[in-house]
Amino acid sequence: MKKVNLIAFVILAISLTANIFLIINYSNSMKKSDQYEKKLATTKKNAQRAIYALSNAHALGNVEVKSPDSYKYDRSESDGNVMTEDEANAIYFKNQSKYENIGIDGLRAPNPFGDKNINRAKVTDEIAQKYLLRLIDNPKERTRQRVEWLSYAVFLDKSRLKHRKVYTSILKKWRESYDFSQIQQERKVIENL
């Protein structure tokens, strides 16, 4: 009887060791697979950026244009990797009528508020106030993308905004610290413009 128990114990120990070995090999192969997928995605992005840069380099003269994927809405996360005003204007003025007709501006940034025919160059005082009040009224609409988009629209000031300084101060506070603590006072300021 003791021999049978000993043999069963040895068989169980061997099978347990084999299972542990298989699990370790499987997890290592999954890690390698994940690393390969990440490397492949990075290679694809780099290739797309290179193609984009080559296709647009001749049209803009001396302005070096980066791929749209390299621009982030949160400047603190991007180490300042944002498009300069010269780059934005060079792209915008190249095909101005195209961008004005479909609501896309020089950064190829679609309107995050959903108005397809309004791009950042077409933001007037009325539209800026409407968008600011939407951000104040609905917490779900307060995204960094919308705040950055509207901030840049006010910065461009293509429609000669009357209350540009007011919009800039509110949006700067929201953009830099994502601080919505004074929202009721900001609402009153906007409504009284």
N, C-alpha and C. Protein backbone atom coordinates (compact mmCIF):
# COMPACT_ATOMS: atom_id res chain seq x y z
N MET A 1 0.82 -1.19 0.00
CA MET A 1 0.00 0.00 0.00
C MET A 1 0.87 1.26 0.00
N LYS A 2 1.99 1.21 0.74
CA LYS A 2 2.86 2.36 0.80
C LYS A 2 3.52 2.63 -0.55
N LYS A 3 3.80 1.56 -1.31
CA LYS A 3 4.39 1.73 -2.62
C LYS A 3 3.43 2.46 -3.56
N VAL A 4 2.15 2.10 -3.48
CA VAL A 4 1.14 2.72 -4.34
C VAL A 4 1.03 4.21 -4.02
N ASN A 5 1.01 4.55 -2.74
CA ASN A 5 0.94 5.95 -2.34
C ASN A 5 2.19 6.72 -2.80
N LEU A 6 3.34 6.09 -2.67
CA LEU A 6 4.58 6.73 -3.09
C LEU A 6 4.59 6.97 -4.60
N ILE A 7 4.13 5.97 -5.36
CA ILE A 7 4.08 6.11 -6.82
C ILE A 7 3.09 7.21 -7.20
N ALA A 8 1.93 7.26 -6.55
CA ALA A 8 0.93 8.30 -6.83
C ALA A 8 1.50 9.69 -6.50
N PHE A 9 2.22 9.76 -5.39
CA PHE A 9 2.82 11.03 -5.00
C PHE A 9 3.86 11.49 -6.03
N VAL A 10 4.68 10.60 -6.49
CA VAL A 10 5.70 10.92 -7.49
C VAL A 10 5.05 11.38 -8.79
N ILE A 11 3.98 10.69 -9.22
CA ILE A 11 3.28 11.06 -10.45
C ILE A 11 2.65 12.45 -10.30
N LEU A 12 2.03 12.73 -9.16
CA LEU A 12 1.44 14.05 -8.92
C LEU A 12 2.51 15.14 -8.91
N ALA A 13 3.64 14.88 -8.30
CA ALA A 13 4.72 15.86 -8.25
C ALA A 13 5.26 16.16 -9.65
N ILE A 14 5.41 15.12 -10.46
CA ILE A 14 5.90 15.30 -11.83
C ILE A 14 4.88 16.09 -12.65
N SER A 15 3.59 15.75 -12.52
CA SER A 15 2.57 16.47 -13.30
C SER A 15 2.46 17.93 -12.84
N LEU A 16 2.59 18.18 -11.54
CA LEU A 16 2.56 19.55 -11.04
C LEU A 16 3.75 20.35 -11.58
N THR A 17 4.92 19.75 -11.59
CA THR A 17 6.11 20.41 -12.13
C THR A 17 5.93 20.70 -13.62
N ALA A 18 5.38 19.76 -14.36
CA ALA A 18 5.16 19.96 -15.79
C ALA A 18 4.15 21.09 -16.03
N ASN A 19 3.08 21.14 -15.23
CA ASN A 19 2.09 22.21 -15.38
C ASN A 19 2.69 23.58 -15.08
N ILE A 20 3.48 23.67 -14.04
CA ILE A 20 4.12 24.95 -13.70
C ILE A 20 5.05 25.38 -14.83
N PHE A 21 5.81 24.44 -15.38
CA PHE A 21 6.70 24.74 -16.50
C PHE A 21 5.90 25.25 -17.70
N LEU A 22 4.78 24.63 -18.01
CA LEU A 22 3.94 25.06 -19.14
C LEU A 22 3.35 26.45 -18.90
N ILE A 23 2.91 26.73 -17.68
CA ILE A 23 2.33 28.04 -17.36
C ILE A 23 3.38 29.14 -17.52
N ILE A 24 4.57 28.90 -17.04
CA ILE A 24 5.64 29.90 -17.14
C ILE A 24 5.98 30.16 -18.61
N ASN A 25 6.10 29.10 -19.40
CA ASN A 25 6.40 29.27 -20.83
C ASN A 25 5.27 30.02 -21.54
N TYR A 26 4.03 29.72 -21.18
CA TYR A 26 2.89 30.39 -21.82
C TYR A 26 2.88 31.88 -21.49
N SER A 27 3.11 32.23 -20.21
CA SER A 27 3.11 33.65 -19.84
C SER A 27 4.26 34.39 -20.51
N ASN A 28 5.42 33.74 -20.64
CA ASN A 28 6.55 34.38 -21.33
C ASN A 28 6.24 34.60 -22.80
N SER A 29 5.58 33.64 -23.42
CA SER A 29 5.26 33.81 -24.84
C SER A 29 4.22 34.92 -25.03
N MET A 30 3.29 35.07 -24.08
CA MET A 30 2.30 36.14 -24.17
C MET A 30 2.98 37.51 -24.01
N LYS A 31 3.96 37.60 -23.12
CA LYS A 31 4.69 38.86 -22.95
C LYS A 31 5.44 39.21 -24.23
N LYS A 32 6.07 38.22 -24.84
CA LYS A 32 6.79 38.48 -26.08
C LYS A 32 5.82 38.91 -27.18
N SER A 33 4.65 38.30 -27.21
CA SER A 33 3.64 38.66 -28.21
C SER A 33 3.18 40.10 -28.00
N ASP A 34 2.94 40.50 -26.76
CA ASP A 34 2.54 41.88 -26.46
C ASP A 34 3.63 42.87 -26.85
N GLN A 35 4.88 42.53 -26.54
CA GLN A 35 5.99 43.41 -26.90
C GLN A 35 6.10 43.56 -28.42
N TYR A 36 5.89 42.46 -29.14
CA TYR A 36 5.95 42.51 -30.60
C TYR A 36 4.84 43.40 -31.16
N GLU A 37 3.63 43.27 -30.60
CA GLU A 37 2.51 44.10 -31.06
C GLU A 37 2.78 45.58 -30.81
N LYS A 38 3.33 45.92 -29.65
CA LYS A 38 3.65 47.31 -29.36
C LYS A 38 4.73 47.84 -30.31
N LYS A 39 5.73 47.02 -30.57
CA LYS A 39 6.80 47.43 -31.47
C LYS A 39 6.26 47.63 -32.88
N LEU A 40 5.36 46.76 -33.31
CA LEU A 40 4.76 46.87 -34.63
C LEU A 40 3.92 48.15 -34.73
N ALA A 41 3.13 48.45 -33.69
CA ALA A 41 2.31 49.67 -33.68
C ALA A 41 3.20 50.91 -33.74
N THR A 42 4.28 50.92 -33.00
CA THR A 42 5.21 52.05 -33.01
C THR A 42 5.84 52.22 -34.39
N THR A 43 6.21 51.13 -35.01
CA THR A 43 6.79 51.18 -36.35
C THR A 43 5.79 51.74 -37.35
N LYS A 44 4.52 51.32 -37.25
CA LYS A 44 3.48 51.83 -38.15
C LYS A 44 3.29 53.33 -37.97
N LYS A 45 3.24 53.80 -36.72
CA LYS A 45 3.08 55.23 -36.46
C LYS A 45 4.25 56.02 -37.04
N ASN A 46 5.45 55.53 -36.82
CA ASN A 46 6.63 56.23 -37.35
C ASN A 46 6.60 56.28 -38.87
N ALA A 47 6.18 55.20 -39.50
CA ALA A 47 6.10 55.18 -40.96
C ALA A 47 5.04 56.17 -41.45
N GLN A 48 3.89 56.22 -40.78
CA GLN A 48 2.84 57.16 -41.16
C GLN A 48 3.32 58.60 -41.00
N ARG A 49 4.02 58.89 -39.92
CA ARG A 49 4.53 60.24 -39.70
C ARG A 49 5.54 60.62 -40.78
N ALA A 50 6.39 59.68 -41.14
CA ALA A 50 7.39 59.96 -42.17
C ALA A 50 6.73 60.22 -43.52
N ILE A 51 5.73 59.42 -43.86
CA ILE A 51 5.01 59.62 -45.12
C ILE A 51 4.30 60.96 -45.11
N TYR A 52 3.66 61.29 -43.99
CA TYR A 52 2.95 62.56 -43.88
C TYR A 52 3.92 63.73 -44.05
N ALA A 53 5.06 63.64 -43.39
CA ALA A 53 6.04 64.73 -43.46
C ALA A 53 6.57 64.89 -44.88
N LEU A 54 6.83 63.78 -45.55
CA LEU A 54 7.34 63.85 -46.92
C LEU A 54 6.30 64.40 -47.89
N SER A 55 5.04 64.02 -47.69
CA SER A 55 4.01 64.45 -48.63
C SER A 55 3.67 65.93 -48.48
N ASN A 56 3.87 66.50 -47.31
CA ASN A 56 3.50 67.89 -47.08
C ASN A 56 4.69 68.85 -47.02
N ALA A 57 5.89 68.35 -47.04
CA ALA A 57 7.06 69.22 -46.87
C ALA A 57 7.22 70.21 -48.01
N HIS A 58 6.92 69.81 -49.22
CA HIS A 58 7.14 70.69 -50.36
C HIS A 58 6.13 71.83 -50.41
N ALA A 59 4.95 71.66 -49.85
CA ALA A 59 3.88 72.65 -49.99
C ALA A 59 4.00 73.81 -49.01
N LEU A 60 4.75 73.67 -47.95
CA LEU A 60 4.74 74.68 -46.90
C LEU A 60 6.01 75.53 -46.85
N GLY A 61 6.89 75.33 -47.75
CA GLY A 61 8.09 76.16 -47.77
C GLY A 61 9.02 75.83 -46.63
N ASN A 62 9.39 76.85 -45.86
CA ASN A 62 10.38 76.64 -44.81
C ASN A 62 9.78 76.23 -43.47
N VAL A 63 8.48 76.04 -43.38
CA VAL A 63 7.85 75.65 -42.13
C VAL A 63 7.86 74.13 -42.03
N GLU A 64 8.50 73.62 -40.98
CA GLU A 64 8.53 72.18 -40.77
C GLU A 64 7.22 71.76 -40.09
N VAL A 65 6.50 70.85 -40.70
CA VAL A 65 5.21 70.42 -40.17
C VAL A 65 5.34 69.03 -39.59
N LYS A 66 4.86 68.87 -38.37
CA LYS A 66 4.88 67.56 -37.73
C LYS A 66 3.59 66.83 -38.04
N SER A 67 3.59 65.54 -37.83
CA SER A 67 2.39 64.74 -38.04
C SER A 67 1.31 65.15 -37.06
N PRO A 68 0.03 65.16 -37.49
CA PRO A 68 -1.05 65.52 -36.56
C PRO A 68 -1.10 64.62 -35.34
N ASP A 69 -0.62 63.36 -35.47
CA ASP A 69 -0.64 62.45 -34.33
C ASP A 69 0.29 62.90 -33.22
N SER A 70 1.28 63.73 -33.55
CA SER A 70 2.26 64.12 -32.54
C SER A 70 1.77 65.26 -31.66
N TYR A 71 0.64 65.87 -31.99
CA TYR A 71 0.14 66.98 -31.20
C TYR A 71 -0.82 66.46 -30.14
N LYS A 72 -0.62 66.90 -28.92
CA LYS A 72 -1.44 66.44 -27.81
C LYS A 72 -2.29 67.60 -27.33
N TYR A 73 -3.43 67.27 -26.73
CA TYR A 73 -4.27 68.31 -26.16
C TYR A 73 -3.75 68.76 -24.81
N ASP A 74 -3.07 67.88 -24.10
CA ASP A 74 -2.53 68.23 -22.79
C ASP A 74 -1.05 68.56 -22.96
N ARG A 75 -0.71 69.84 -22.92
CA ARG A 75 0.66 70.26 -23.20
C ARG A 75 1.65 69.74 -22.18
N SER A 76 1.22 69.54 -20.93
CA SER A 76 2.15 69.07 -19.91
C SER A 76 2.59 67.64 -20.20
N GLU A 77 1.74 66.84 -20.86
CA GLU A 77 2.11 65.47 -21.18
C GLU A 77 2.93 65.37 -22.45
N SER A 78 2.92 66.41 -23.25
CA SER A 78 3.57 66.32 -24.56
C SER A 78 4.91 67.03 -24.61
N ASP A 79 5.41 67.51 -23.47
CA ASP A 79 6.68 68.24 -23.43
C ASP A 79 6.68 69.42 -24.40
N GLY A 80 5.55 70.09 -24.51
CA GLY A 80 5.47 71.26 -25.37
C GLY A 80 5.38 70.94 -26.84
N ASN A 81 5.11 69.70 -27.20
CA ASN A 81 5.06 69.30 -28.60
C ASN A 81 3.72 69.71 -29.21
N VAL A 82 3.55 71.01 -29.40
CA VAL A 82 2.32 71.53 -29.98
C VAL A 82 2.66 72.33 -31.22
N MET A 83 1.69 72.47 -32.09
CA MET A 83 1.91 73.16 -33.35
C MET A 83 2.05 74.66 -33.10
N THR A 84 3.01 75.25 -33.77
CA THR A 84 3.18 76.70 -33.64
C THR A 84 2.14 77.41 -34.48
N GLU A 85 1.98 78.69 -34.23
CA GLU A 85 1.01 79.47 -34.99
C GLU A 85 1.39 79.51 -36.47
N ASP A 86 2.68 79.61 -36.77
CA ASP A 86 3.13 79.63 -38.17
C ASP A 86 2.76 78.34 -38.89
N GLU A 87 2.96 77.20 -38.21
CA GLU A 87 2.61 75.92 -38.81
C GLU A 87 1.12 75.83 -39.07
N ALA A 88 0.33 76.24 -38.08
CA ALA A 88 -1.12 76.18 -38.22
C ALA A 88 -1.59 77.07 -39.36
N ASN A 89 -1.06 78.29 -39.43
CA ASN A 89 -1.47 79.21 -40.49
C ASN A 89 -1.02 78.72 -41.86
N ALA A 90 0.17 78.14 -41.95
CA ALA A 90 0.65 77.64 -43.24
C ALA A 90 -0.27 76.56 -43.77
N ILE A 91 -0.68 75.65 -42.91
CA ILE A 91 -1.59 74.58 -43.35
C ILE A 91 -2.97 75.16 -43.64
N TYR A 92 -3.44 76.04 -42.79
CA TYR A 92 -4.79 76.59 -42.95
C TYR A 92 -4.91 77.39 -44.25
N PHE A 93 -3.97 78.28 -44.51
CA PHE A 93 -4.07 79.14 -45.68
C PHE A 93 -3.81 78.39 -46.99
N LYS A 94 -3.17 77.25 -46.90
CA LYS A 94 -2.92 76.45 -48.09
C LYS A 94 -4.25 75.99 -48.71
N ASN A 95 -5.18 75.55 -47.88
CA ASN A 95 -6.48 75.07 -48.35
C ASN A 95 -7.60 75.70 -47.54
N GLN A 96 -7.61 76.99 -47.42
CA GLN A 96 -8.53 77.69 -46.54
C GLN A 96 -9.99 77.37 -46.85
N SER A 97 -10.38 77.39 -48.11
CA SER A 97 -11.79 77.16 -48.44
C SER A 97 -12.20 75.74 -48.08
N LYS A 98 -11.31 74.78 -48.25
CA LYS A 98 -11.62 73.39 -47.91
C LYS A 98 -11.92 73.26 -46.42
N TYR A 99 -11.07 73.87 -45.59
CA TYR A 99 -11.25 73.76 -44.15
C TYR A 99 -12.48 74.52 -43.68
N GLU A 100 -12.75 75.67 -44.27
CA GLU A 100 -13.91 76.45 -43.85
C GLU A 100 -15.21 75.74 -44.17
N ASN A 101 -15.24 75.01 -45.27
CA ASN A 101 -16.48 74.35 -45.67
C ASN A 101 -16.83 73.15 -44.81
N ILE A 102 -15.85 72.48 -44.24
CA ILE A 102 -16.17 71.28 -43.49
C ILE A 102 -15.88 71.40 -42.00
N GLY A 103 -15.56 72.58 -41.51
CA GLY A 103 -15.37 72.77 -40.08
C GLY A 103 -14.05 72.27 -39.55
N ILE A 104 -13.09 72.05 -40.43
CA ILE A 104 -11.77 71.60 -39.99
C ILE A 104 -10.79 72.73 -40.24
N ASP A 105 -9.94 73.00 -39.25
CA ASP A 105 -9.02 74.12 -39.40
C ASP A 105 -7.62 73.64 -39.77
N GLY A 106 -6.66 74.52 -39.64
CA GLY A 106 -5.30 74.23 -40.05
C GLY A 106 -4.65 73.07 -39.34
N LEU A 107 -5.14 72.70 -38.18
CA LEU A 107 -4.59 71.55 -37.47
C LEU A 107 -5.34 70.27 -37.80
N ARG A 108 -6.29 70.37 -38.71
CA ARG A 108 -7.17 69.25 -39.04
C ARG A 108 -7.87 68.75 -37.77
N ALA A 109 -8.25 69.68 -36.93
CA ALA A 109 -8.93 69.33 -35.69
C ALA A 109 -10.42 69.55 -35.87
N PRO A 110 -11.20 68.49 -35.93
CA PRO A 110 -12.64 68.67 -36.07
C PRO A 110 -13.22 69.33 -34.82
N ASN A 111 -14.33 70.00 -35.01
CA ASN A 111 -14.99 70.69 -33.91
C ASN A 111 -15.49 69.66 -32.89
N PRO A 112 -14.97 69.65 -31.67
CA PRO A 112 -15.39 68.66 -30.68
C PRO A 112 -16.78 68.94 -30.10
N PHE A 113 -17.33 70.11 -30.41
CA PHE A 113 -18.66 70.43 -29.92
C PHE A 113 -19.75 69.91 -30.86
N GLY A 114 -19.36 69.36 -31.99
CA GLY A 114 -20.31 68.74 -32.90
C GLY A 114 -20.83 69.61 -34.02
N ASP A 115 -20.44 70.88 -34.06
CA ASP A 115 -20.88 71.77 -35.14
C ASP A 115 -19.92 71.59 -36.32
N LYS A 116 -20.35 70.80 -37.29
CA LYS A 116 -19.45 70.44 -38.39
C LYS A 116 -19.05 71.62 -39.27
N ASN A 117 -19.86 72.67 -39.31
CA ASN A 117 -19.56 73.80 -40.19
C ASN A 117 -18.85 74.94 -39.48
N ILE A 118 -18.44 74.73 -38.24
CA ILE A 118 -17.75 75.79 -37.49
C ILE A 118 -16.36 75.27 -37.12
N ASN A 119 -15.34 75.93 -37.67
CA ASN A 119 -13.98 75.58 -37.27
C ASN A 119 -13.43 76.69 -36.38
N ARG A 120 -12.20 76.55 -35.95
CA ARG A 120 -11.65 77.52 -35.00
C ARG A 120 -11.52 78.91 -35.58
N ALA A 121 -11.44 79.03 -36.88
CA ALA A 121 -11.33 80.35 -37.49
C ALA A 121 -12.68 81.06 -37.54
N LYS A 122 -13.77 80.33 -37.37
CA LYS A 122 -15.11 80.91 -37.47
C LYS A 122 -15.76 81.15 -36.11
N VAL A 123 -15.03 81.00 -35.03
CA VAL A 123 -15.60 81.19 -33.70
C VAL A 123 -15.79 82.68 -33.44
N THR A 124 -17.05 83.07 -33.25
CA THR A 124 -17.40 84.45 -32.95
C THR A 124 -17.66 84.57 -31.45
N ASP A 125 -17.96 85.80 -31.00
CA ASP A 125 -18.28 85.99 -29.58
C ASP A 125 -19.49 85.14 -29.18
N GLU A 126 -20.49 85.13 -30.02
CA GLU A 126 -21.71 84.37 -29.72
C GLU A 126 -21.42 82.88 -29.59
N ILE A 127 -20.64 82.35 -30.51
CA ILE A 127 -20.30 80.92 -30.48
C ILE A 127 -19.41 80.60 -29.28
N ALA A 128 -18.43 81.45 -29.00
CA ALA A 128 -17.55 81.23 -27.85
C ALA A 128 -18.35 81.20 -26.55
N GLN A 129 -19.29 82.14 -26.41
CA GLN A 129 -20.12 82.16 -25.20
C GLN A 129 -20.99 80.91 -25.12
N LYS A 130 -21.54 80.50 -26.26
CA LYS A 130 -22.38 79.30 -26.28
C LYS A 130 -21.57 78.07 -25.84
N TYR A 131 -20.36 77.93 -26.37
CA TYR A 131 -19.52 76.78 -26.02
C TYR A 131 -19.08 76.83 -24.55
N LEU A 132 -18.73 78.02 -24.07
CA LEU A 132 -18.33 78.15 -22.66
C LEU A 132 -19.49 77.78 -21.73
N LEU A 133 -20.69 78.25 -22.06
CA LEU A 133 -21.85 77.91 -21.23
C LEU A 133 -22.16 76.42 -21.29
N ARG A 134 -21.94 75.80 -22.44
CA ARG A 134 -22.13 74.34 -22.53
C ARG A 134 -21.15 73.62 -21.61
N LEU A 135 -19.91 74.08 -21.57
CA LEU A 135 -18.92 73.47 -20.69
C LEU A 135 -19.28 73.67 -19.22
N ILE A 136 -19.84 74.83 -18.91
CA ILE A 136 -20.23 75.11 -17.53
C ILE A 136 -21.44 74.27 -17.13
N ASP A 137 -22.44 74.20 -18.01
CA ASP A 137 -23.69 73.52 -17.68
C ASP A 137 -23.56 72.01 -17.58
N ASN A 138 -22.77 71.41 -18.43
CA ASN A 138 -22.73 69.96 -18.50
C ASN A 138 -21.32 69.45 -18.16
N PRO A 139 -21.15 68.87 -16.97
CA PRO A 139 -19.83 68.37 -16.58
C PRO A 139 -19.28 67.30 -17.54
N LYS A 140 -20.18 66.56 -18.19
CA LYS A 140 -19.72 65.52 -19.11
C LYS A 140 -19.06 66.11 -20.36
N GLU A 141 -19.36 67.36 -20.66
CA GLU A 141 -18.77 67.99 -21.84
C GLU A 141 -17.42 68.64 -21.54
N ARG A 142 -17.02 68.69 -20.29
CA ARG A 142 -15.75 69.32 -19.91
C ARG A 142 -14.60 68.37 -20.17
N THR A 143 -14.13 68.37 -21.37
CA THR A 143 -12.98 67.54 -21.72
C THR A 143 -11.81 68.44 -22.07
N ARG A 144 -10.62 67.92 -21.90
CA ARG A 144 -9.43 68.68 -22.25
C ARG A 144 -9.43 69.02 -23.74
N GLN A 145 -9.95 68.11 -24.55
CA GLN A 145 -9.98 68.35 -25.99
C GLN A 145 -10.82 69.58 -26.30
N ARG A 146 -11.99 69.72 -25.69
CA ARG A 146 -12.85 70.88 -25.96
C ARG A 146 -12.23 72.16 -25.42
N VAL A 147 -11.65 72.10 -24.24
CA VAL A 147 -11.03 73.29 -23.65
C VAL A 147 -9.85 73.74 -24.52
N GLU A 148 -9.01 72.80 -24.96
CA GLU A 148 -7.87 73.15 -25.82
C GLU A 148 -8.35 73.70 -27.16
N TRP A 149 -9.36 73.08 -27.75
CA TRP A 149 -9.88 73.52 -29.05
C TRP A 149 -10.39 74.95 -28.96
N LEU A 150 -11.19 75.23 -27.94
CA LEU A 150 -11.75 76.57 -27.77
C LEU A 150 -10.65 77.58 -27.41
N SER A 151 -9.69 77.16 -26.61
CA SER A 151 -8.57 78.06 -26.27
C SER A 151 -7.81 78.47 -27.52
N TYR A 152 -7.58 77.53 -28.40
CA TYR A 152 -6.85 77.86 -29.63
C TYR A 152 -7.70 78.72 -30.55
N ALA A 153 -9.01 78.49 -30.56
CA ALA A 153 -9.91 79.33 -31.37
C ALA A 153 -9.86 80.77 -30.89
N VAL A 154 -9.86 80.97 -29.58
CA VAL A 154 -9.78 82.32 -29.02
C VAL A 154 -8.39 82.91 -29.31
N PHE A 155 -7.36 82.08 -29.23
CA PHE A 155 -6.00 82.54 -29.53
C PHE A 155 -5.88 83.00 -30.98
N LEU A 156 -6.46 82.26 -31.92
CA LEU A 156 -6.40 82.64 -33.34
C LEU A 156 -7.11 83.97 -33.58
N ASP A 157 -8.27 84.14 -32.94
CA ASP A 157 -9.04 85.39 -33.01
C ASP A 157 -9.27 85.86 -34.44
N LYS A 158 -9.72 84.96 -35.30
CA LYS A 158 -9.96 85.30 -36.70
C LYS A 158 -11.21 86.17 -36.86
N SER A 159 -12.14 86.11 -35.90
CA SER A 159 -13.39 86.88 -36.00
C SER A 159 -13.36 88.17 -35.20
N ARG A 160 -12.19 88.56 -34.72
CA ARG A 160 -12.02 89.79 -33.92
C ARG A 160 -12.98 89.78 -32.73
N LEU A 161 -12.72 88.89 -31.79
CA LEU A 161 -13.58 88.74 -30.62
C LEU A 161 -13.53 89.99 -29.74
N LYS A 162 -14.70 90.45 -29.30
CA LYS A 162 -14.78 91.64 -28.45
C LYS A 162 -14.30 91.35 -27.02
N HIS A 163 -14.61 90.15 -26.54
CA HIS A 163 -14.33 89.79 -25.14
C HIS A 163 -13.24 88.72 -25.07
N ARG A 164 -12.26 88.84 -25.90
CA ARG A 164 -11.20 87.83 -25.99
C ARG A 164 -10.47 87.64 -24.67
N LYS A 165 -10.18 88.73 -23.96
CA LYS A 165 -9.44 88.64 -22.70
C LYS A 165 -10.21 87.86 -21.65
N VAL A 166 -11.54 88.03 -21.62
CA VAL A 166 -12.37 87.30 -20.65
C VAL A 166 -12.31 85.81 -20.96
N TYR A 167 -12.51 85.46 -22.24
CA TYR A 167 -12.48 84.05 -22.63
C TYR A 167 -11.11 83.44 -22.33
N THR A 168 -10.07 84.20 -22.64
CA THR A 168 -8.71 83.69 -22.44
C THR A 168 -8.44 83.40 -20.97
N SER A 169 -8.85 84.30 -20.09
CA SER A 169 -8.57 84.08 -18.66
C SER A 169 -9.31 82.86 -18.12
N ILE A 170 -10.57 82.69 -18.53
CA ILE A 170 -11.34 81.53 -18.07
C ILE A 170 -10.73 80.24 -18.62
N LEU A 171 -10.48 80.22 -19.92
CA LEU A 171 -9.97 79.01 -20.56
C LEU A 171 -8.56 78.67 -20.09
N LYS A 172 -7.75 79.69 -19.81
CA LYS A 172 -6.39 79.44 -19.33
C LYS A 172 -6.43 78.72 -17.99
N LYS A 173 -7.32 79.18 -17.11
CA LYS A 173 -7.44 78.54 -15.80
C LYS A 173 -7.91 77.09 -15.95
N TRP A 174 -8.87 76.88 -16.82
CA TRP A 174 -9.38 75.53 -17.04
C TRP A 174 -8.31 74.63 -17.67
N ARG A 175 -7.58 75.19 -18.62
CA ARG A 175 -6.60 74.39 -19.35
C ARG A 175 -5.40 74.02 -18.48
N GLU A 176 -4.91 74.98 -17.71
CA GLU A 176 -3.69 74.74 -16.95
C GLU A 176 -3.91 73.90 -15.69
N SER A 177 -5.00 74.16 -14.97
CA SER A 177 -5.18 73.43 -13.72
C SER A 177 -6.46 72.60 -13.68
N TYR A 178 -7.22 72.63 -14.77
CA TYR A 178 -8.50 71.91 -14.85
C TYR A 178 -9.35 72.26 -13.63
N ASP A 179 -9.39 73.56 -13.31
CA ASP A 179 -10.06 74.07 -12.12
C ASP A 179 -11.43 74.64 -12.49
N PHE A 180 -12.48 73.95 -12.08
CA PHE A 180 -13.84 74.40 -12.34
C PHE A 180 -14.53 74.83 -11.03
N SER A 181 -13.75 75.27 -10.05
CA SER A 181 -14.32 75.61 -8.74
C SER A 181 -15.09 76.93 -8.76
N GLN A 182 -14.76 77.84 -9.65
CA GLN A 182 -15.42 79.15 -9.71
C GLN A 182 -16.44 79.21 -10.84
N ILE A 183 -17.08 78.10 -11.10
CA ILE A 183 -17.91 77.99 -12.30
C ILE A 183 -19.13 78.92 -12.28
N GLN A 184 -19.71 79.14 -11.12
CA GLN A 184 -20.89 80.01 -11.05
C GLN A 184 -20.53 81.47 -11.32
N GLN A 185 -19.39 81.92 -10.78
CA GLN A 185 -18.95 83.29 -11.08
C GLN A 185 -18.61 83.44 -12.56
N GLU A 186 -17.99 82.41 -13.12
CA GLU A 186 -17.65 82.45 -14.54
C GLU A 186 -18.91 82.49 -15.40
N ARG A 187 -19.94 81.77 -14.98
CA ARG A 187 -21.23 81.78 -15.70
C ARG A 187 -21.80 83.20 -15.71
N LYS A 188 -21.78 83.85 -14.55
CA LYS A 188 -22.31 85.21 -14.46
C LYS A 188 -21.53 86.17 -15.35
N VAL A 189 -20.21 86.03 -15.35
CA VAL A 189 -19.38 86.89 -16.18
C VAL A 189 -19.74 86.71 -17.66
N ILE A 190 -19.88 85.47 -18.10
CA ILE A 190 -20.19 85.20 -19.51
C ILE A 190 -21.59 85.70 -19.86
N GLU A 191 -22.55 85.47 -18.98
CA GLU A 191 -23.92 85.91 -19.26
C GLU A 191 -24.05 87.42 -19.29
N ASN A 192 -23.18 88.13 -18.57
CA ASN A 192 -23.25 89.60 -18.53
C ASN A 192 -22.48 90.28 -19.66
N LEU A 193 -21.85 89.52 -20.52
CA LEU A 193 -21.08 90.13 -21.62
C LEU A 193 -22.01 90.73 -22.65
